[in-house]
């Protein structure tokens, strides 16, 4: 789903919304320090996964005290860029 998330980030940026993507290349050891650097200026964090959120706990452990939102789906149906964009916009509206 990283390519789909990349498309969503590009679309959000084209719309003037600050968005970024952190895609770990390896999961063990989890790149906690690189994630901390990437998330330093973020107001909202959204983990997008095509599962029940297995990486969510790693992200929470790397970023203690930060609110981490999750958007995922199981069953082999891929999330769409539009769904990710809608979730990012929803998070922004809720914090306003």
Protein backbone atom coordinates (compact mmCIF):
# COMPACT_ATOMS: atom_id res chain seq x y z
CA UNK A 1 0.00 0.00 0.00
CA UNK A 2 3.04 2.31 0.00
CA UNK A 3 2.50 3.22 -3.66
CA UNK A 4 -1.13 4.04 -2.95
CA UNK A 5 -0.09 6.13 0.06
CA UNK A 6 2.52 7.92 -2.09
CA UNK A 7 -0.22 8.83 -4.58
CA UNK A 8 -2.40 10.13 -1.73
CA UNK A 9 0.49 12.23 -0.38
CA UNK A 10 1.16 13.66 -3.84
CA UNK A 11 -2.53 14.50 -4.30
CA UNK A 12 -2.73 16.13 -0.87
CA UNK A 13 0.36 18.19 -1.57
CA UNK A 14 -1.07 19.26 -4.93
CA UNK A 15 -4.11 20.49 -2.96
CA UNK A 16 -1.85 22.55 -0.68
CA UNK A 17 -1.97 20.19 2.30
CA UNK A 18 1.29 19.37 4.04
CA UNK A 19 1.69 15.61 3.98
CA UNK A 20 4.57 13.18 4.07
CA UNK A 21 5.31 9.49 3.84
CA UNK A 22 7.62 7.30 5.87
CA UNK A 23 8.11 3.87 4.33
CA UNK A 24 10.49 1.62 6.25
CA UNK A 25 12.62 -0.56 4.01
CA UNK A 26 13.25 -3.08 6.78
CA UNK A 27 11.14 -3.85 9.82
CA UNK A 28 13.75 -5.56 11.97
CA UNK A 29 15.24 -3.83 13.65
CA UNK A 30 12.45 -1.27 13.40
CA UNK A 31 13.87 2.08 12.21
CA UNK A 32 12.62 4.01 15.25
CA UNK A 33 15.18 6.81 15.07
CA UNK A 34 14.49 7.48 11.39
CA UNK A 35 10.75 7.53 12.12
CA UNK A 36 11.27 9.99 14.99
CA UNK A 37 13.15 12.32 12.65
CA UNK A 38 10.52 12.03 9.92
CA UNK A 39 7.63 12.62 12.34
CA UNK A 40 9.22 15.48 14.26
CA UNK A 41 7.17 18.25 12.67
CA UNK A 42 3.98 16.31 12.02
CA UNK A 43 0.72 17.36 13.63
CA UNK A 44 -1.00 14.07 12.81
CA UNK A 45 0.34 10.59 12.22
CA UNK A 46 -1.53 7.95 10.25
CA UNK A 47 -0.37 4.38 9.85
CA UNK A 48 -1.81 2.80 6.72
CA UNK A 49 -1.63 -0.98 6.54
CA UNK A 50 -3.27 -3.82 4.67
CA UNK A 51 -3.71 -5.86 7.85
CA UNK A 52 -5.01 -5.51 11.40
CA UNK A 53 -2.30 -3.03 12.41
CA UNK A 54 0.73 -5.16 13.16
CA UNK A 55 3.12 -2.26 12.58
CA UNK A 56 0.97 0.11 14.64
CA UNK A 57 2.50 -1.12 17.91
CA UNK A 58 6.03 -0.59 16.58
CA UNK A 59 5.13 2.96 15.56
CA UNK A 60 3.57 3.65 18.97
CA UNK A 61 6.65 2.28 20.72
CA UNK A 62 8.92 4.50 18.59
CA UNK A 63 6.82 7.61 19.24
CA UNK A 64 5.68 7.45 22.87
CA UNK A 65 3.17 10.09 23.83
CA UNK A 66 2.16 10.82 20.24
CA UNK A 67 -1.33 10.07 18.96
CA UNK A 68 -1.02 7.52 16.18
CA UNK A 69 -4.06 6.98 13.96
CA UNK A 70 -4.63 3.79 12.01
CA UNK A 71 -6.29 3.15 8.67
CA UNK A 72 -6.23 -0.41 7.46
CA UNK A 73 -8.08 -3.22 5.89
CA UNK A 74 -7.82 -6.97 5.92
CA UNK A 75 -9.04 -9.53 3.43
CA UNK A 76 -6.96 -8.67 0.40
CA UNK A 77 -8.89 -5.56 -0.68
CA UNK A 78 -6.47 -2.70 -1.19
CA UNK A 79 -7.07 0.74 0.23
CA UNK A 80 -7.34 3.55 -2.31
CA UNK A 81 -5.54 6.86 -2.47
CA UNK A 82 -8.91 8.60 -2.13
CA UNK A 83 -9.66 6.74 1.10
CA UNK A 84 -6.31 7.76 2.56
CA UNK A 85 -6.85 11.36 1.46
CA UNK A 86 -10.31 11.37 3.07
CA UNK A 87 -8.87 10.01 6.33
CA UNK A 88 -6.12 12.66 6.39
CA UNK A 89 -8.70 15.40 5.78
CA UNK A 90 -10.95 13.97 8.52
CA UNK A 91 -8.07 14.02 11.00
CA UNK A 92 -7.34 17.63 10.12
CA UNK A 93 -10.97 18.66 10.58
CA UNK A 94 -11.25 16.89 13.94
CA UNK A 95 -8.26 18.74 15.35
CA UNK A 96 -9.49 22.18 14.28
